């Protein structure tokens, strides 16, 4: 695939921008604070799901 075809697939970044009153520095601060929370949530979800699939015993209901 050539560069020109790739550019046609994806819209320009300006069309994807979400309107906000935040400055770029404030956006970086918010994403810096939220990213660890999202990562922790995903890790907890995956650990819980993994634990669920390894349960066994007489009290475990399918």
PDB file of N, CA and C in Angstrom:
ATOM      1  N   UNK A   1       0.857  -1.180   0.000  1.00  0.00           N
ATOM      2  CA  UNK A   1       0.000   0.000   0.000  1.00  0.00           C
ATOM      3  C   UNK A   1       0.897   1.235   0.000  1.00  0.00           C
ATOM      4  N   UNK A   2       0.611   2.167  -0.824  1.00  0.00           N
ATOM      5  CA  UNK A   2       1.424   3.372  -0.925  1.00  0.00           C
ATOM      6  C   UNK A   2       0.946   4.413   0.080  1.00  0.00           C
ATOM      7  N   UNK A   3       1.749   5.419   0.253  1.00  0.00           N
ATOM      8  CA  UNK A   3       1.410   6.498   1.187  1.00  0.00           C
ATOM      9  C   UNK A   3       0.137   7.222   0.771  1.00  0.00           C
ATOM     10  N   UNK A   4      -0.055   7.420  -0.518  1.00  0.00           N
ATOM     11  CA  UNK A   4      -1.241   8.153  -0.963  1.00  0.00           C
ATOM     12  C   UNK A   4      -2.514   7.381  -0.641  1.00  0.00           C
ATOM     13  N   UNK A   5      -2.488   6.073  -0.776  1.00  0.00           N
ATOM     14  CA  UNK A   5      -3.657   5.272  -0.430  1.00  0.00           C
ATOM     15  C   UNK A   5      -3.914   5.315   1.078  1.00  0.00           C
ATOM     16  N   UNK A   6      -2.855   5.285   1.877  1.00  0.00           N
ATOM     17  CA  UNK A   6      -3.014   5.325   3.331  1.00  0.00           C
ATOM     18  C   UNK A   6      -3.634   6.653   3.763  1.00  0.00           C
ATOM     19  N   UNK A   7      -3.268   7.731   3.087  1.00  0.00           N
ATOM     20  CA  UNK A   7      -3.823   9.027   3.446  1.00  0.00           C
ATOM     21  C   UNK A   7      -5.309   9.100   3.124  1.00  0.00           C
ATOM     22  N   UNK A   8      -5.747   8.405   2.115  1.00  0.00           N
ATOM     23  CA  UNK A   8      -7.159   8.408   1.751  1.00  0.00           C
ATOM     24  C   UNK A   8      -7.993   7.612   2.743  1.00  0.00           C
ATOM     25  N   UNK A   9      -7.395   6.627   3.399  1.00  0.00           N
ATOM     26  CA  UNK A   9      -8.125   5.784   4.343  1.00  0.00           C
ATOM     27  C   UNK A   9      -8.429   6.550   5.625  1.00  0.00           C
ATOM     28  N   UNK A  10      -7.466   7.299   6.128  1.00  0.00           N
ATOM     29  CA  UNK A  10      -7.619   7.978   7.404  1.00  0.00           C
ATOM     30  C   UNK A  10      -7.922   9.456   7.199  1.00  0.00           C
ATOM     31  N   UNK A  11      -8.922   9.986   7.919  1.00  0.00           N
ATOM     32  CA  UNK A  11      -9.215  11.416   7.802  1.00  0.00           C
ATOM     33  C   UNK A  11      -8.094  12.242   8.437  1.00  0.00           C
ATOM     34  N   UNK A  12      -7.979  13.489   8.060  1.00  0.00           N
ATOM     35  CA  UNK A  12      -6.948  14.340   8.665  1.00  0.00           C
ATOM     36  C   UNK A  12      -7.161  14.454  10.178  1.00  0.00           C
ATOM     37  N   UNK A  13      -6.072  14.636  10.904  1.00  0.00           N
ATOM     38  CA  UNK A  13      -6.148  14.705  12.363  1.00  0.00           C
ATOM     39  C   UNK A  13      -7.047  15.847  12.825  1.00  0.00           C
ATOM     40  N   UNK A  14      -7.110  16.932  12.086  1.00  0.00           N
ATOM     41  CA  UNK A  14      -7.943  18.058  12.500  1.00  0.00           C
ATOM     42  C   UNK A  14      -9.422  17.675  12.533  1.00  0.00           C
ATOM     43  N   UNK A  15      -9.841  16.748  11.686  1.00  0.00           N
ATOM     44  CA  UNK A  15     -11.238  16.316  11.683  1.00  0.00           C
ATOM     45  C   UNK A  15     -11.543  15.394  12.857  1.00  0.00           C
ATOM     46  N   UNK A  16     -10.513  14.779  13.438  1.00  0.00           N
ATOM     47  CA  UNK A  16     -10.703  13.885  14.566  1.00  0.00           C
ATOM     48  C   UNK A  16     -10.602  14.603  15.909  1.00  0.00           C
ATOM     49  N   UNK A  17     -10.130  15.825  15.893  1.00  0.00           N
ATOM     50  CA  UNK A  17      -9.921  16.563  17.133  1.00  0.00           C
ATOM     51  C   UNK A  17     -11.256  16.818  17.837  1.00  0.00           C
ATOM     52  N   UNK A  18     -11.273  16.600  19.144  1.00  0.00           N
ATOM     53  CA  UNK A  18     -12.452  16.861  19.953  1.00  0.00           C
ATOM     54  C   UNK A  18     -12.375  18.285  20.467  1.00  0.00           C
ATOM     55  N   UNK A  19     -13.409  19.080  20.283  1.00  0.00           N
ATOM     56  CA  UNK A  19     -13.388  20.445  20.792  1.00  0.00           C
ATOM     57  C   UNK A  19     -13.228  20.456  22.315  1.00  0.00           C
ATOM     58  N   UNK A  20     -12.351  21.289  22.811  1.00  0.00           N
ATOM     59  CA  UNK A  20     -12.109  21.375  24.245  1.00  0.00           C
ATOM     60  C   UNK A  20     -11.589  22.760  24.598  1.00  0.00           C
ATOM     61  N   UNK A  21     -11.798  23.125  25.837  1.00  0.00           N
ATOM     62  CA  UNK A  21     -11.268  24.393  26.336  1.00  0.00           C
ATOM     63  C   UNK A  21      -9.919  24.199  27.015  1.00  0.00           C
ATOM     64  N   UNK A  22      -9.433  22.964  27.051  1.00  0.00           N
ATOM     65  CA  UNK A  22      -8.171  22.677  27.723  1.00  0.00           C
ATOM     66  C   UNK A  22      -6.991  23.062  26.835  1.00  0.00           C
ATOM     67  N   UNK A  23      -5.956  23.526  27.465  1.00  0.00           N
ATOM     68  CA  UNK A  23      -4.715  23.809  26.747  1.00  0.00           C
ATOM     69  C   UNK A  23      -3.985  22.489  26.518  1.00  0.00           C
ATOM     70  N   UNK A  24      -3.038  22.457  25.594  1.00  0.00           N
ATOM     71  CA  UNK A  24      -2.283  21.210  25.390  1.00  0.00           C
ATOM     72  C   UNK A  24      -1.590  20.712  26.659  1.00  0.00           C
ATOM     73  N   UNK A  25      -1.115  21.617  27.481  1.00  0.00           N
ATOM     74  CA  UNK A  25      -0.476  21.201  28.743  1.00  0.00           C
ATOM     75  C   UNK A  25      -1.495  20.560  29.686  1.00  0.00           C
ATOM     76  N   UNK A  26      -2.700  21.093  29.715  1.00  0.00           N
ATOM     77  CA  UNK A  26      -3.745  20.520  30.566  1.00  0.00           C
ATOM     78  C   UNK A  26      -4.191  19.155  30.038  1.00  0.00           C
ATOM     79  N   UNK A  27      -4.234  19.019  28.730  1.00  0.00           N
ATOM     80  CA  UNK A  27      -4.582  17.720  28.141  1.00  0.00           C
ATOM     81  C   UNK A  27      -3.535  16.682  28.524  1.00  0.00           C
ATOM     82  N   UNK A  28      -2.265  17.041  28.461  1.00  0.00           N
ATOM     83  CA  UNK A  28      -1.199  16.119  28.860  1.00  0.00           C
ATOM     84  C   UNK A  28      -1.318  15.759  30.335  1.00  0.00           C
ATOM     85  N   UNK A  29      -1.683  16.726  31.182  1.00  0.00           N
ATOM     86  CA  UNK A  29      -1.839  16.452  32.612  1.00  0.00           C
ATOM     87  C   UNK A  29      -2.993  15.488  32.869  1.00  0.00           C
ATOM     88  N   UNK A  30      -4.097  15.693  32.186  1.00  0.00           N
ATOM     89  CA  UNK A  30      -5.256  14.812  32.357  1.00  0.00           C
ATOM     90  C   UNK A  30      -4.929  13.405  31.868  1.00  0.00           C
ATOM     91  N   UNK A  31      -4.335  13.294  30.688  1.00  0.00           N
ATOM     92  CA  UNK A  31      -4.008  11.965  30.170  1.00  0.00           C
ATOM     93  C   UNK A  31      -2.955  11.283  31.036  1.00  0.00           C
ATOM     94  N   UNK A  32      -2.043  12.062  31.582  1.00  0.00           N
ATOM     95  CA  UNK A  32      -1.044  11.492  32.488  1.00  0.00           C
ATOM     96  C   UNK A  32      -1.669  10.945  33.761  1.00  0.00           C
ATOM     97  N   UNK A  33      -2.750  11.579  34.229  1.00  0.00           N
ATOM     98  CA  UNK A  33      -3.433  11.113  35.433  1.00  0.00           C
ATOM     99  C   UNK A  33      -4.368   9.943  35.142  1.00  0.00           C
ATOM    100  N   UNK A  34      -4.981   9.926  33.973  1.00  0.00           N
ATOM    101  CA  UNK A  34      -5.981   8.905  33.652  1.00  0.00           C
ATOM    102  C   UNK A  34      -5.347   7.609  33.130  1.00  0.00           C
ATOM    103  N   UNK A  35      -4.245   7.703  32.408  1.00  0.00           N
ATOM    104  CA  UNK A  35      -3.630   6.512  31.833  1.00  0.00           C
ATOM    105  C   UNK A  35      -3.292   5.437  32.868  1.00  0.00           C
ATOM    106  N   UNK A  36      -2.693   5.774  34.025  1.00  0.00           N
ATOM    107  CA  UNK A  36      -2.442   4.718  35.025  1.00  0.00           C
ATOM    108  C   UNK A  36      -3.729   4.080  35.546  1.00  0.00           C
ATOM    109  N   UNK A  37      -4.797   4.866  35.673  1.00  0.00           N
ATOM    110  CA  UNK A  37      -6.070   4.304  36.129  1.00  0.00           C
ATOM    111  C   UNK A  37      -6.638   3.318  35.111  1.00  0.00           C
ATOM    112  N   UNK A  38      -6.541   3.671  33.845  1.00  0.00           N
ATOM    113  CA  UNK A  38      -7.022   2.776  32.792  1.00  0.00           C
ATOM    114  C   UNK A  38      -6.178   1.505  32.766  1.00  0.00           C
ATOM    115  N   UNK A  39      -4.882   1.641  32.904  1.00  0.00           N
ATOM    116  CA  UNK A  39      -3.993   0.474  32.901  1.00  0.00           C
ATOM    117  C   UNK A  39      -4.293  -0.430  34.098  1.00  0.00           C
ATOM    118  N   UNK A  40      -4.516   0.150  35.272  1.00  0.00           N
ATOM    119  CA  UNK A  40      -4.846  -0.641  36.452  1.00  0.00           C
ATOM    120  C   UNK A  40      -6.181  -1.363  36.281  1.00  0.00           C
ATOM    121  N   UNK A  41      -7.151  -0.687  35.706  1.00  0.00           N
ATOM    122  CA  UNK A  41      -8.461  -1.305  35.477  1.00  0.00           C
ATOM    123  C   UNK A  41      -8.345  -2.487  34.521  1.00  0.00           C
ATOM    124  N   UNK A  42      -7.581  -2.325  33.465  1.00  0.00           N
ATOM    125  CA  UNK A  42      -7.391  -3.412  32.516  1.00  0.00           C
ATOM    126  C   UNK A  42      -6.660  -4.584  33.170  1.00  0.00           C
ATOM    127  N   UNK A  43      -5.632  -4.283  33.956  1.00  0.00           N
ATOM    128  CA  UNK A  43      -4.899  -5.356  34.634  1.00  0.00           C
ATOM    129  C   UNK A  43      -5.810  -6.106  35.602  1.00  0.00           C
ATOM    130  N   UNK A  44      -6.643  -5.389  36.350  1.00  0.00           N
ATOM    131  CA  UNK A  44      -7.571  -6.036  37.269  1.00  0.00           C
ATOM    132  C   UNK A  44      -8.574  -6.901  36.516  1.00  0.00           C
ATOM    133  N   UNK A  45      -9.094  -6.394  35.411  1.00  0.00           N
ATOM    134  CA  UNK A  45     -10.035  -7.155  34.595  1.00  0.00           C
ATOM    135  C   UNK A  45      -9.399  -8.454  34.097  1.00  0.00           C
ATOM    136  N   UNK A  46      -8.182  -8.353  33.559  1.00  0.00           N
ATOM    137  CA  UNK A  46      -7.522  -9.541  33.019  1.00  0.00           C
ATOM    138  C   UNK A  46      -7.188 -10.549  34.108  1.00  0.00           C
ATOM    139  N   UNK A  47      -6.749 -10.062  35.274  1.00  0.00           N
ATOM    140  CA  UNK A  47      -6.437 -10.980  36.375  1.00  0.00           C
ATOM    141  C   UNK A  47      -7.701 -11.664  36.874  1.00  0.00           C
ATOM    142  N   UNK A  48      -8.784 -10.932  36.958  1.00  0.00           N
ATOM    143  CA  UNK A  48     -10.047 -11.515  37.413  1.00  0.00           C
ATOM    144  C   UNK A  48     -10.536 -12.556  36.415  1.00  0.00           C
ATOM    145  N   UNK A  49     -10.473 -12.229  35.148  1.00  0.00           N
ATOM    146  CA  UNK A  49     -10.910 -13.166  34.119  1.00  0.00           C
ATOM    147  C   UNK A  49     -10.034 -14.411  34.126  1.00  0.00           C
ATOM    148  N   UNK A  50      -8.737 -14.232  34.250  1.00  0.00           N
ATOM    149  CA  UNK A  50      -7.814 -15.362  34.273  1.00  0.00           C
ATOM    150  C   UNK A  50      -8.080 -16.239  35.492  1.00  0.00           C
ATOM    151  N   UNK A  51      -8.317 -15.628  36.632  1.00  0.00           N
ATOM    152  CA  UNK A  51      -8.589 -16.383  37.857  1.00  0.00           C
ATOM    153  C   UNK A  51      -9.877 -17.187  37.688  1.00  0.00           C
ATOM    154  N   UNK A  52     -10.873 -16.597  37.087  1.00  0.00           N
ATOM    155  CA  UNK A  52     -12.155 -17.268  36.898  1.00  0.00           C
ATOM    156  C   UNK A  52     -11.986 -18.566  36.116  1.00  0.00           C
ATOM    157  N   UNK A  53     -11.167 -18.547  35.089  1.00  0.00           N
ATOM    158  CA  UNK A  53     -11.021 -19.732  34.242  1.00  0.00           C
ATOM    159  C   UNK A  53     -10.215 -20.829  34.905  1.00  0.00           C
ATOM    160  N   UNK A  54      -9.561 -20.542  36.027  1.00  0.00           N
ATOM    161  CA  UNK A  54      -8.749 -21.557  36.699  1.00  0.00           C
ATOM    162  C   UNK A  54      -9.400 -22.050  37.988  1.00  0.00           C
ATOM    163  N   UNK A  55     -10.659 -21.733  38.196  1.00  0.00           N
ATOM    164  CA  UNK A  55     -11.364 -22.231  39.374  1.00  0.00           C
ATOM    165  C   UNK A  55     -11.837 -23.657  39.146  1.00  0.00           C
ATOM    166  N   UNK A  56     -11.823 -24.430  40.197  1.00  0.00           N
ATOM    167  CA  UNK A  56     -12.371 -25.777  40.133  1.00  0.00           C
ATOM    168  C   UNK A  56     -12.737 -26.207  41.542  1.00  0.00           C
ATOM    169  N   UNK A  57     -13.487 -27.249  41.646  1.00  0.00           N
ATOM    170  CA  UNK A  57     -13.858 -27.774  42.949  1.00  0.00           C
ATOM    171  C   UNK A  57     -15.338 -28.028  43.052  1.00  0.00           C
ATOM    172  N   UNK A  58     -15.754 -28.646  44.167  1.00  0.00           N
ATOM    173  CA  UNK A  58     -17.160 -29.026  44.311  1.00  0.00           C
ATOM    174  C   UNK A  58     -18.089 -27.827  44.472  1.00  0.00           C
ATOM    175  N   UNK A  59     -17.592 -26.694  44.935  1.00  0.00           N
ATOM    176  CA  UNK A  59     -18.452 -25.530  45.151  1.00  0.00           C
ATOM    177  C   UNK A  59     -18.471 -24.579  43.965  1.00  0.00           C
ATOM    178  N   UNK A  60     -17.668 -24.866  42.967  1.00  0.00           N
ATOM    179  CA  UNK A  60     -17.637 -23.999  41.784  1.00  0.00           C
ATOM    180  C   UNK A  60     -18.727 -24.443  40.813  1.00  0.00           C
ATOM    181  N   UNK A  61     -19.589 -23.516  40.491  1.00  0.00           N
ATOM    182  CA  UNK A  61     -20.679 -23.812  39.563  1.00  0.00           C
ATOM    183  C   UNK A  61     -20.291 -23.341  38.159  1.00  0.00           C
ATOM    184  N   UNK A  62     -20.467 -24.188  37.181  1.00  0.00           N
ATOM    185  CA  UNK A  62     -20.114 -23.837  35.794  1.00  0.00           C
ATOM    186  C   UNK A  62     -20.851 -22.632  35.291  1.00  0.00           C
TER     187      UNK A  62
END
